[in-house]
Amino acid sequence: MESDVVIVGAGPSAAVAALELARAGMRITVLEQGDWVAAEEFDGARPEWELTQLKRWHPNPNVRGRAQDYPIDTAASDVNPLMFAGVGGAALIYGAHWMRFMPSDFRVHTLDGVARDWPFGYEDLAPFYAYVEEAMGVSGLSGNPAYPDGAPCPLPPLPMGKVGRRAASGMNLLGWHWWPGSNAIPSRAYRDLQPCVLRGTCGTGCSDGAKATPDRTHWPEALALGVRLVTGARAAEIETDGRGRAHAVVWIDRKGARHRARGDVIILCANGVGTPRLLLMSGLGNRSGLVGRRLMMHPYAGVMGTFDEDLESWVGPAGQILTSMQFYETDASRGFLRGAKWNCMPAGGPQSFRAGYTGGTLTGGWGGALHERVARKFGRSFEWGIIGEDLPDERNRVELSESLVDSDGLPAPKIVYAMSENTRRMLAFHTARAVEAMEAAGAVETEVTPLIRDCGWHLMGTAVMGEDAETSVVDQHGAVHDVPGLYIMDGSTFPTSSGVNPTATIMAVAARSVLRLIEARADLEPAA
């Protein structure tokens, strides 16, 4: 199998890279360990959707337990990493919250004396944000005062509904920033995307074809341009030639047979766990000792408010109805550095009330307890979710497990991750403020969830970018310092995590990197 470029993974960043390379006339092979998932396979339009999300569509691969997933050793982690193997990647079951990083996110060391600055800034990435937002049909209200350019969106926002209006009333009373949420969900028919019908089941896959996912926004055109996308293909090793240049990916099919995909360039888009795992299995790119280290996963907390009126809070989108950046920037008087984004979300269906925190203790369950909570809360509750900036720590890392293997006998990743004291203080401050916001909006009851263990959607930092090969894994365009011809174009390269959802930035950075690669085609040496 000979190609100009071989890409590992078929998620958002891989889709951007493959499409641009195909438009440039290159021969592309994409290796994806999962499968295509048709919209009708998702259960959002069926009454059992809340039950199937407990297993089949659960975001934790250890819970799903599918052969195309790899198991993850999380015994030494405070947070479970979440992902999905399939054409479209974890975006197939993401909430579609769409946020640009803030300008300060690229200058954390300069501003706060911790972590490190990015090699480029917000103004450098802004054109690429706009580029991927147009492709994804992002809906939102332009002019957000939290951003210097207002973070323009190509489509108008989704309706705020009763939940959004109630949440906004509390923020207005307090004088705190809020803005209609921006989501990768079209508010009207857009290209191959249907308008959102507000089912509120985004997190288990969109059965209506309305959520912007790469299998709908990018891969059809890429395939039409000749991209070869191989599903059921698990990457096992990156091979180098006699000059030390990456020139092939060894992959395993569903029957256990090994194959080799050769290319002039290899691009890894396997997420912040899968990419370092493959590098470690291959013994490549680790001169700095940072492959797998500096793992950031955005510990997540939430405050649920219950009201004495019907808010129709099962109505979607399950993305963000409102956002707030009121407490995003550092204020040292709070006792921690950096901040968090708030996202207002509907409470969802009856099963979302199966358990909750009362006085700091987890309560609830099935049977009578569930019936009581549903009667009291269903349709009358919503959540302020809190995504706190997760500062990098080299002790938080991805390793290769010595005892756990996947279905092909390859070592599973092991996660070593401890939530920092800075993060604990941050989440405590923000949940306290969110309680104030709920009470200002008229909540008659609030519940604080201090940390949700299954919250590791955002996998970043494990192959950090930088200009010095001794202190980073890749340069600012994703080229691995030690291995010519090998690139990384996913969240692994992020120096810091921000306090917002990273998909917009993952795709924008991938666009910036791949367009640079195309411009430098003269550097694409033939494989030996």
Protein backbone atom coordinates (compact mmCIF):
# COMPACT_ATOMS: atom_id res chain seq x y z
CA MET A 1 0.00 0.00 0.00
CA GLU A 2 1.93 3.05 -1.26
CA SER A 3 0.81 6.64 -0.64
CA ASP A 4 2.19 10.13 -0.44
CA VAL A 5 0.79 10.47 3.08
CA VAL A 6 -0.48 7.93 5.62
CA ILE A 7 -2.74 9.27 8.38
CA VAL A 8 -3.51 7.37 11.58
CA GLY A 9 -7.00 8.14 12.85
CA ALA A 10 -10.15 9.50 11.19
CA GLY A 11 -11.34 12.09 13.72
CA PRO A 12 -11.62 15.88 13.32
CA SER A 13 -7.94 16.73 12.80
CA ALA A 14 -7.37 13.79 10.46
CA ALA A 15 -10.38 14.85 8.40
CA VAL A 16 -9.00 18.38 7.99
CA ALA A 17 -5.56 17.08 7.03
CA ALA A 18 -6.80 14.42 4.61
CA LEU A 19 -9.17 16.74 2.80
CA GLU A 20 -6.60 19.48 2.28
CA LEU A 21 -3.94 17.02 1.14
CA ALA A 22 -6.41 15.43 -1.29
CA ARG A 23 -7.36 18.84 -2.66
CA ALA A 24 -3.65 19.38 -3.27
CA GLY A 25 -3.57 16.23 -5.40
CA MET A 26 -1.75 13.90 -3.02
CA ARG A 27 -2.39 10.18 -2.58
CA ILE A 28 -3.71 9.60 0.93
CA THR A 29 -4.29 6.47 3.00
CA VAL A 30 -6.13 6.78 6.30
CA LEU A 31 -6.05 4.02 8.92
CA GLU A 32 -8.99 3.95 11.36
CA GLN A 33 -9.46 1.21 13.95
CA GLY A 34 -13.22 1.85 14.19
CA ASP A 35 -16.02 1.77 11.62
CA TRP A 36 -18.49 4.05 9.88
CA VAL A 37 -21.54 4.78 12.02
CA ALA A 38 -24.71 5.74 10.12
CA ALA A 39 -27.05 8.29 11.68
CA GLU A 40 -29.82 5.71 11.97
CA GLU A 41 -27.62 3.56 14.21
CA PHE A 42 -27.79 6.16 16.97
CA ASP A 43 -30.69 5.84 19.39
CA GLY A 44 -31.58 9.49 19.94
CA ALA A 45 -34.94 9.14 18.20
CA ARG A 46 -35.82 5.93 20.06
CA PRO A 47 -37.26 5.65 23.57
CA GLU A 48 -34.40 3.46 24.80
CA TRP A 49 -31.69 6.06 24.14
CA GLU A 50 -31.06 6.72 27.83
CA LEU A 51 -30.45 3.02 28.44
CA THR A 52 -28.16 2.39 25.47
CA GLN A 53 -25.95 5.30 26.53
CA LEU A 54 -25.05 3.22 29.60
CA LYS A 55 -23.21 0.71 27.42
CA ARG A 56 -23.26 0.88 23.62
CA TRP A 57 -22.81 4.65 23.33
CA HIS A 58 -21.00 5.25 26.60
CA PRO A 59 -17.98 7.54 26.06
CA ASN A 60 -15.66 5.43 28.25
CA PRO A 61 -14.07 2.66 26.13
CA ASN A 62 -13.68 0.49 29.24
CA VAL A 63 -17.46 0.56 29.66
CA ARG A 64 -18.26 0.03 25.96
CA GLY A 65 -15.80 -2.85 25.73
CA ARG A 66 -15.93 -3.11 21.93
CA ALA A 67 -13.20 -5.01 20.09
CA GLN A 68 -12.31 -1.90 18.07
CA ASP A 69 -11.66 0.03 21.30
CA TYR A 70 -8.50 -0.49 23.28
CA PRO A 71 -8.79 -0.87 27.05
CA ILE A 72 -7.17 1.75 29.27
CA ASP A 73 -5.59 1.17 32.68
CA THR A 74 -7.06 3.98 34.82
CA ALA A 75 -6.31 2.61 38.29
CA ALA A 76 -3.80 5.44 38.91
CA SER A 77 -5.97 8.24 37.51
CA ASP A 78 -8.49 10.61 39.11
CA VAL A 79 -10.21 11.02 35.74
CA ASN A 80 -11.26 8.52 33.08
CA PRO A 81 -10.21 9.38 29.51
CA LEU A 82 -13.13 9.32 27.08
CA MET A 83 -12.96 8.62 23.35
CA PHE A 84 -14.62 6.80 20.48
CA ALA A 85 -13.14 4.69 17.69
CA GLY A 86 -14.93 5.37 14.42
CA VAL A 87 -14.91 7.50 11.28
CA GLY A 88 -15.40 10.92 12.83
CA GLY A 89 -13.70 10.01 16.09
CA ALA A 90 -15.04 11.11 19.46
CA ALA A 91 -16.93 13.91 17.67
CA LEU A 92 -19.55 11.29 16.84
CA ILE A 93 -20.67 11.42 20.46
CA TYR A 94 -19.45 14.86 21.56
CA GLY A 95 -21.76 17.60 22.81
CA ALA A 96 -20.63 19.86 19.93
CA HIS A 97 -19.70 22.76 22.24
CA TRP A 98 -17.69 25.02 19.95
CA MET A 99 -15.27 27.46 21.55
CA ARG A 100 -12.17 29.22 20.36
CA PHE A 101 -9.31 29.43 22.85
CA MET A 102 -8.99 32.87 24.42
CA PRO A 103 -6.00 35.10 23.54
CA SER A 104 -4.55 34.62 27.04
CA ASP A 105 -4.51 30.84 26.55
CA PHE A 106 -1.57 31.18 24.20
CA ARG A 107 0.46 33.30 26.68
CA VAL A 108 0.03 31.57 30.05
CA HIS A 109 3.71 31.72 30.97
CA THR A 110 4.03 35.39 30.02
CA LEU A 111 0.89 36.34 31.93
CA ASP A 112 0.98 33.98 34.91
CA GLY A 113 4.51 32.59 35.13
CA VAL A 114 3.47 28.94 34.78
CA ALA A 115 3.43 26.36 31.98
CA ARG A 116 4.76 27.68 28.67
CA ASP A 117 3.60 29.98 25.88
CA TRP A 118 2.53 28.67 22.50
CA PRO A 119 4.83 29.38 19.53
CA PHE A 120 1.97 31.38 17.96
CA GLY A 121 -0.94 33.47 19.19
CA TYR A 122 -4.68 33.92 18.82
CA GLU A 123 -4.27 36.39 15.99
CA ASP A 124 -2.22 33.84 14.03
CA LEU A 125 -4.87 31.16 14.46
CA ALA A 126 -7.95 33.35 13.91
CA PRO A 127 -8.10 32.81 10.10
CA PHE A 128 -7.94 29.05 10.63
CA TYR A 129 -10.70 29.19 13.23
CA ALA A 130 -12.88 30.97 10.69
CA TYR A 131 -11.94 28.42 8.05
CA VAL A 132 -12.95 25.34 10.08
CA GLU A 133 -16.05 27.06 11.50
CA GLU A 134 -17.35 27.59 7.99
CA ALA A 135 -16.74 23.92 7.20
CA MET A 136 -18.49 22.79 10.40
CA GLY A 137 -21.50 25.10 10.10
CA VAL A 138 -21.05 26.56 13.56
CA SER A 139 -24.10 28.35 14.96
CA GLY A 140 -23.78 31.20 17.42
CA LEU A 141 -24.07 34.93 17.92
CA SER A 142 -21.14 36.98 16.65
CA GLY A 143 -19.85 39.83 18.78
CA ASN A 144 -19.01 38.01 22.02
CA PRO A 145 -17.24 40.72 24.08
CA ALA A 146 -14.99 38.10 25.68
CA TYR A 147 -13.06 37.89 22.39
CA PRO A 148 -11.18 40.70 20.65
CA ASP A 149 -12.82 39.89 17.31
CA GLY A 150 -16.17 38.84 18.76
CA ALA A 151 -15.64 35.19 17.71
CA PRO A 152 -17.86 35.43 14.59
CA CYS A 153 -20.04 32.45 13.64
CA PRO A 154 -21.30 31.58 10.14
CA LEU A 155 -24.83 30.64 11.28
CA PRO A 156 -27.26 32.27 13.73
CA PRO A 157 -27.55 30.77 17.23
CA LEU A 158 -29.82 27.95 18.30
CA PRO A 159 -32.81 29.01 20.43
CA MET A 160 -32.12 29.76 24.09
CA GLY A 161 -35.42 28.31 25.24
CA LYS A 162 -36.82 28.58 28.74
CA VAL A 163 -33.62 27.24 30.27
CA GLY A 164 -31.45 29.87 28.61
CA ARG A 165 -33.74 32.71 29.57
CA ARG A 166 -33.89 31.57 33.18
CA ALA A 167 -30.11 31.18 33.39
CA ALA A 168 -29.55 34.57 31.77
CA SER A 169 -31.87 36.25 34.27
CA GLY A 170 -29.61 35.21 37.13
CA MET A 171 -26.46 36.34 35.36
CA ASN A 172 -28.06 39.69 34.55
CA LEU A 173 -29.05 40.20 38.18
CA LEU A 174 -25.42 39.60 39.22
CA GLY A 175 -23.99 41.65 36.36
CA TRP A 176 -21.97 38.69 35.08
CA HIS A 177 -20.98 37.93 31.49
CA TRP A 178 -23.03 35.47 29.48
CA TRP A 179 -23.47 34.89 25.77
CA PRO A 180 -25.62 32.61 23.61
CA GLY A 181 -23.79 29.33 23.14
CA SER A 182 -21.85 28.51 19.99
CA ASN A 183 -22.24 24.92 18.81
CA ALA A 184 -21.17 22.76 15.88
CA ILE A 185 -24.88 22.18 15.27
CA PRO A 186 -26.55 24.10 12.44
CA SER A 187 -29.53 26.29 13.22
CA ARG A 188 -30.76 25.77 9.65
CA ALA A 189 -30.05 23.29 6.87
CA TYR A 190 -26.41 23.66 5.89
CA ARG A 191 -24.68 21.69 3.15
CA ASP A 192 -25.06 18.02 4.11
CA LEU A 193 -26.28 18.83 7.63
CA GLN A 194 -29.91 18.92 8.67
CA PRO A 195 -31.23 21.65 10.99
CA CYS A 196 -31.25 20.70 14.66
CA VAL A 197 -34.61 19.38 15.90
CA LEU A 198 -33.63 19.94 19.56
CA ARG A 199 -33.89 16.34 20.76
CA GLY A 200 -31.17 16.96 23.35
CA THR A 201 -29.44 13.63 22.67
CA CYS A 202 -26.24 15.03 21.11
CA GLY A 203 -23.93 13.18 23.50
CA THR A 204 -25.00 9.76 22.27
CA GLY A 205 -24.82 10.55 18.57
CA CYS A 206 -27.15 12.55 16.35
CA SER A 207 -29.82 10.34 14.76
CA ASP A 208 -31.02 13.25 12.60
CA GLY A 209 -27.75 14.06 10.81
CA ALA A 210 -27.76 17.56 12.27
CA LYS A 211 -24.61 17.60 14.39
CA ALA A 212 -21.43 18.58 12.54
CA THR A 213 -19.14 15.58 12.61
CA PRO A 214 -16.30 14.84 10.17
CA ASP A 215 -18.04 11.85 8.64
CA ARG A 216 -20.58 14.32 7.28
CA THR A 217 -18.57 17.53 6.87
CA HIS A 218 -15.22 16.31 5.50
CA TRP A 219 -14.89 12.65 4.67
CA PRO A 220 -17.40 12.47 1.77
CA GLU A 221 -15.46 15.03 -0.25
CA ALA A 222 -12.13 13.49 0.74
CA LEU A 223 -13.26 10.07 -0.49
CA ALA A 224 -14.58 11.59 -3.70
CA LEU A 225 -11.11 13.04 -4.27
CA GLY A 226 -9.55 9.59 -3.97
CA VAL A 227 -8.60 9.27 -0.30
CA ARG A 228 -8.41 5.64 0.75
CA LEU A 229 -9.94 5.20 4.20
CA VAL A 230 -9.35 1.77 5.72
CA THR A 231 -11.57 0.87 8.68
CA GLY A 232 -10.84 -1.91 11.15
CA ALA A 233 -7.15 -0.96 10.88
CA ARG A 234 -5.29 -0.75 14.18
CA ALA A 235 -1.90 0.97 13.95
CA ALA A 236 0.75 -1.06 15.76
CA GLU A 237 4.08 0.55 14.85
CA ILE A 238 5.68 3.36 12.87
CA GLU A 239 8.67 2.17 10.89
CA THR A 240 11.68 4.22 9.81
CA ASP A 241 14.09 3.66 6.92
CA GLY A 242 17.87 3.47 7.02
CA ARG A 243 18.10 7.27 7.25
CA GLY A 244 15.80 7.39 10.26
CA ARG A 245 12.91 8.81 8.24
CA ALA A 246 9.36 7.62 8.96
CA HIS A 247 8.14 5.69 5.95
CA ALA A 248 5.49 3.16 6.98
CA VAL A 249 2.80 2.25 9.48
CA VAL A 250 2.32 -1.38 10.43
CA TRP A 251 -1.36 -2.07 11.04
CA ILE A 252 -3.48 -5.04 12.10
CA ASP A 253 -6.81 -5.98 10.53
CA ARG A 254 -9.81 -7.53 12.27
CA LYS A 255 -8.54 -11.04 11.55
CA GLY A 256 -5.19 -10.33 13.18
CA ALA A 257 -3.19 -10.10 9.94
CA ARG A 258 -0.45 -7.48 9.76
CA HIS A 259 -0.10 -5.04 6.87
CA ARG A 260 2.19 -2.17 6.01
CA ALA A 261 1.07 1.22 4.70
CA ARG A 262 3.99 3.12 3.18
CA GLY A 263 4.09 6.86 2.70
CA ASP A 264 6.47 9.76 2.19
CA VAL A 265 4.90 11.38 5.24
CA ILE A 266 3.16 9.86 8.28
CA ILE A 267 0.65 11.97 10.24
CA LEU A 268 -0.64 10.89 13.65
CA CYS A 269 -4.16 12.03 14.60
CA ALA A 270 -4.92 9.37 17.20
CA ASN A 271 -5.76 11.70 20.15
CA GLY A 272 -3.79 12.58 23.29
CA VAL A 273 -3.73 8.97 24.47
CA GLY A 274 -3.49 7.01 21.22
CA THR A 275 -0.74 9.12 19.67
CA PRO A 276 1.77 8.82 22.56
CA ARG A 277 0.88 5.15 22.88
CA LEU A 278 1.86 4.55 19.25
CA LEU A 279 5.06 6.59 19.63
CA LEU A 280 6.02 4.64 22.76
CA MET A 281 5.28 1.30 21.07
CA SER A 282 7.46 2.43 18.16
CA GLY A 283 10.26 3.86 20.31
CA LEU A 284 10.23 7.13 18.38
CA GLY A 285 10.31 10.88 18.99
CA ASN A 286 11.23 10.82 22.66
CA ARG A 287 14.60 12.54 22.88
CA SER A 288 13.02 15.09 25.21
CA GLY A 289 11.48 12.40 27.42
CA LEU A 290 8.13 14.16 27.07
CA VAL A 291 6.22 11.67 24.92
CA GLY A 292 3.16 10.80 26.98
CA ARG A 293 3.88 13.43 29.65
CA ARG A 294 2.05 16.68 30.49
CA LEU A 295 -1.34 14.99 30.03
CA MET A 296 -4.23 17.43 30.45
CA MET A 297 -7.86 16.27 30.61
CA HIS A 298 -10.00 19.17 31.92
CA PRO A 299 -11.48 18.01 35.24
CA TYR A 300 -15.16 18.94 35.14
CA ALA A 301 -17.60 20.02 37.85
CA GLY A 302 -21.24 20.99 37.71
CA VAL A 303 -24.01 22.71 39.59
CA MET A 304 -27.59 21.57 39.01
CA GLY A 305 -30.39 23.95 39.86
CA THR A 306 -34.03 22.98 40.32
CA PHE A 307 -36.82 25.51 39.87
CA ASP A 308 -40.51 25.68 40.77
CA GLU A 309 -41.58 26.07 37.14
CA ASP A 310 -41.57 23.93 34.03
CA LEU A 311 -38.46 24.84 32.02
CA GLU A 312 -38.87 22.09 29.38
CA SER A 313 -35.30 21.17 30.24
CA TRP A 314 -35.34 17.97 28.22
CA VAL A 315 -35.31 20.11 25.07
CA GLY A 316 -31.98 20.35 23.24
CA PRO A 317 -29.46 21.07 22.16
CA ALA A 318 -27.47 19.09 24.71
CA GLY A 319 -24.61 21.37 23.78
CA GLN A 320 -24.20 24.75 25.41
CA ILE A 321 -27.25 27.02 25.49
CA LEU A 322 -25.27 29.83 27.11
CA THR A 323 -21.63 30.32 28.04
CA SER A 324 -19.95 32.58 30.57
CA MET A 325 -16.34 33.76 30.71
CA GLN A 326 -16.90 35.96 33.78
CA PHE A 327 -14.21 34.21 35.83
CA TYR A 328 -11.96 32.98 33.03
CA GLU A 329 -8.84 35.08 33.55
CA THR A 330 -6.43 34.83 36.48
CA ASP A 331 -7.19 36.74 39.68
CA ALA A 332 -4.49 35.76 42.18
CA SER A 333 -6.67 36.86 45.11
CA ARG A 334 -8.83 33.78 44.50
CA GLY A 335 -5.98 31.47 45.51
CA PHE A 336 -5.36 29.80 42.16
CA LEU A 337 -4.16 30.58 38.64
CA ARG A 338 -6.20 30.68 35.42
CA GLY A 339 -9.95 30.10 35.24
CA ALA A 340 -12.86 28.26 33.71
CA LYS A 341 -15.63 28.48 31.15
CA TRP A 342 -19.20 27.87 32.23
CA ASN A 343 -21.69 26.20 29.92
CA CYS A 344 -25.43 26.15 30.56
CA MET A 345 -27.00 22.84 29.55
CA PRO A 346 -30.44 21.24 29.83
CA ALA A 347 -30.84 18.50 32.42
CA GLY A 348 -31.91 15.86 29.89
CA GLY A 349 -34.19 12.86 30.27
CA PRO A 350 -35.47 11.14 33.41
CA GLN A 351 -32.41 8.93 33.85
CA SER A 352 -30.20 11.97 34.34
CA PHE A 353 -31.75 12.23 37.81
CA ARG A 354 -30.78 8.71 38.86
CA ALA A 355 -28.11 10.07 41.18
CA GLY A 356 -26.97 13.38 42.56
CA TYR A 357 -25.03 15.05 45.35
CA THR A 358 -26.77 16.16 48.52
CA GLY A 359 -24.59 17.82 51.14
CA GLY A 360 -21.53 16.50 49.33
CA THR A 361 -22.78 12.89 49.47
CA LEU A 362 -23.78 10.92 46.38
CA THR A 363 -27.43 9.89 46.74
CA GLY A 364 -30.17 8.42 44.61
CA GLY A 365 -30.30 5.28 42.51
CA TRP A 366 -33.04 3.16 40.97
CA GLY A 367 -36.51 2.36 42.31
CA GLY A 368 -38.35 4.72 44.59
CA ALA A 369 -35.42 7.13 44.87
CA LEU A 370 -35.43 7.62 41.09
CA HIS A 371 -39.19 8.19 40.98
CA GLU A 372 -38.95 10.79 43.73
CA ARG A 373 -36.14 12.69 42.04
CA VAL A 374 -37.82 12.60 38.63
CA ALA A 375 -41.07 13.91 40.09
CA ARG A 376 -39.22 16.77 41.77
CA LYS A 377 -36.68 17.69 39.11
CA PHE A 378 -37.58 16.46 35.62
CA GLY A 379 -38.23 19.36 33.27
CA ARG A 380 -37.45 21.84 36.04
CA SER A 381 -33.64 21.66 36.21
CA PHE A 382 -30.56 22.72 34.30
CA GLU A 383 -26.81 22.69 34.85
CA TRP A 384 -24.00 25.15 34.84
CA GLY A 385 -21.08 22.95 33.79
CA ILE A 386 -17.56 24.13 34.61
CA ILE A 387 -14.48 23.37 32.50
CA GLY A 388 -11.38 24.46 34.39
CA GLU A 389 -7.99 25.02 32.81
CA ASP A 390 -5.84 21.98 33.51
CA LEU A 391 -2.23 23.16 33.85
CA PRO A 392 0.44 20.77 32.53
CA ASP A 393 2.34 18.55 34.97
CA GLU A 394 4.97 16.10 33.74
CA ARG A 395 3.86 13.60 36.39
CA ASN A 396 0.50 13.29 34.64
CA ARG A 397 1.20 10.93 31.81
CA VAL A 398 0.38 8.12 29.39
CA GLU A 399 2.52 4.99 29.73
CA LEU A 400 2.37 1.49 28.29
CA SER A 401 0.69 -0.95 30.64
CA GLU A 402 2.75 -3.92 31.76
CA SER A 403 -0.31 -6.09 32.39
CA LEU A 404 -3.18 -4.98 30.14
CA VAL A 405 -3.36 -5.56 26.36
CA ASP A 406 -5.89 -4.88 23.62
CA SER A 407 -7.63 -7.48 21.48
CA ASP A 408 -4.55 -7.73 19.25
CA GLY A 409 -2.14 -8.25 22.13
CA LEU A 410 -0.69 -4.72 21.98
CA PRO A 411 0.06 -3.03 25.31
CA ALA A 412 -2.82 -0.88 26.49
CA PRO A 413 -2.18 2.68 27.63
CA LYS A 414 -1.91 3.33 31.34
CA ILE A 415 -3.00 6.72 32.67
CA VAL A 416 -1.26 8.28 35.66
CA TYR A 417 -3.12 11.45 36.55
CA ALA A 418 -3.75 13.40 39.76
CA MET A 419 -5.90 16.51 39.92
CA SER A 420 -3.78 19.41 41.16
CA GLU A 421 -4.42 21.60 44.19
CA ASN A 422 -4.73 24.54 41.79
CA THR A 423 -7.56 22.74 39.99
CA ARG A 424 -9.30 21.79 43.24
CA ARG A 425 -9.31 25.40 44.39
CA MET A 426 -10.44 26.55 40.96
CA LEU A 427 -13.40 24.17 40.83
CA ALA A 428 -14.40 24.99 44.42
CA PHE A 429 -14.45 28.71 43.61
CA HIS A 430 -16.40 28.25 40.40
CA THR A 431 -18.99 25.89 41.82
CA ALA A 432 -19.62 28.37 44.64
CA ARG A 433 -20.18 31.15 42.11
CA ALA A 434 -22.41 28.88 40.02
CA VAL A 435 -24.55 28.22 43.08
CA GLU A 436 -24.89 32.01 43.43
CA ALA A 437 -25.93 32.22 39.77
CA MET A 438 -28.54 29.49 40.24
CA GLU A 439 -29.95 31.16 43.34
CA ALA A 440 -30.05 34.53 41.58
CA ALA A 441 -32.05 32.84 38.81
CA GLY A 442 -34.55 31.57 41.38
CA ALA A 443 -33.44 28.00 42.04
CA VAL A 444 -35.21 26.37 44.97
CA GLU A 445 -32.58 23.63 45.21
CA THR A 446 -28.97 23.27 44.07
CA GLU A 447 -26.65 20.27 43.84
CA VAL A 448 -22.90 20.56 43.43
CA THR A 449 -20.94 17.78 41.73
CA PRO A 450 -17.33 18.58 42.69
CA LEU A 451 -15.73 16.29 40.09
CA ILE A 452 -17.22 14.01 37.47
CA ARG A 453 -14.85 11.04 37.01
CA ASP A 454 -16.04 10.26 33.49
CA CYS A 455 -15.06 13.69 32.18
CA GLY A 456 -11.77 13.16 30.29
CA TRP A 457 -13.07 14.13 26.84
CA HIS A 458 -10.27 16.58 26.19
CA LEU A 459 -6.95 14.76 25.78
CA MET A 460 -4.04 17.15 25.33
CA GLY A 461 -0.37 17.84 25.86
CA THR A 462 1.31 14.44 25.50
CA ALA A 463 3.54 15.37 22.52
CA VAL A 464 4.07 19.04 23.24
CA MET A 465 5.05 21.55 20.56
CA GLY A 466 8.04 23.89 20.85
CA GLU A 467 11.13 24.99 18.97
CA ASP A 468 13.72 23.26 21.19
CA ALA A 469 14.04 19.52 20.54
CA GLU A 470 15.35 19.02 24.07
CA THR A 471 12.14 20.34 25.65
CA SER A 472 9.44 19.45 23.13
CA VAL A 473 8.34 16.64 20.82
CA VAL A 474 7.21 18.55 17.71
CA ASP A 475 7.71 22.00 16.21
CA GLN A 476 4.88 24.51 15.82
CA HIS A 477 3.70 22.80 12.62
CA GLY A 478 3.58 19.31 14.13
CA ALA A 479 6.85 17.95 12.70
CA VAL A 480 8.48 15.51 15.14
CA HIS A 481 11.93 16.86 15.92
CA ASP A 482 13.75 13.54 15.90
CA VAL A 483 12.01 11.76 13.02
CA PRO A 484 11.88 13.33 9.54
CA GLY A 485 8.62 12.67 7.74
CA LEU A 486 6.62 12.15 10.96
CA TYR A 487 3.96 14.68 12.01
CA ILE A 488 1.42 14.96 14.81
CA MET A 489 -1.76 16.96 14.21
CA ASP A 490 -4.00 16.40 17.22
CA GLY A 491 -4.40 17.77 20.74
CA SER A 492 -1.26 15.96 21.89
CA THR A 493 0.80 18.93 20.73
CA PHE A 494 -0.92 21.56 22.90
CA PRO A 495 1.40 23.35 25.37
CA THR A 496 -1.58 24.32 27.56
CA SER A 497 -5.18 23.20 27.71
CA SER A 498 -7.16 26.45 28.07
CA GLY A 499 -10.43 26.27 29.98
CA VAL A 500 -12.66 25.64 26.96
CA ASN A 501 -13.57 22.73 24.71
CA PRO A 502 -10.63 22.07 22.36
CA THR A 503 -12.15 20.70 19.12
CA ALA A 504 -12.18 24.10 17.39
CA THR A 505 -8.51 24.60 18.22
CA ILE A 506 -7.53 21.03 17.34
CA MET A 507 -9.04 21.50 13.88
CA ALA A 508 -7.67 25.02 13.42
CA VAL A 509 -4.13 23.98 14.38
CA ALA A 510 -4.40 20.96 12.06
CA ALA A 511 -5.47 23.25 9.20
CA ARG A 512 -2.54 25.59 9.89
CA SER A 513 -0.12 22.66 10.04
CA VAL A 514 -1.30 20.78 6.97
CA LEU A 515 -1.45 23.89 4.79
CA ARG A 516 2.15 24.61 5.80
CA LEU A 517 3.05 21.03 4.87
CA ILE A 518 1.44 21.46 1.46
CA GLU A 519 3.33 24.70 0.89
CA ALA A 520 6.56 22.84 1.67
CA ARG A 521 5.89 19.93 -0.69
CA ALA A 522 9.46 20.14 -1.92
CA ASP A 523 10.47 18.76 1.48
CA LEU A 524 8.46 15.58 0.95
CA GLU A 525 11.28 13.22 0.13
CA PRO A 526 10.38 9.92 -1.50
CA ALA A 527 10.23 6.97 0.88
CA ALA A 528 13.24 4.67 0.65
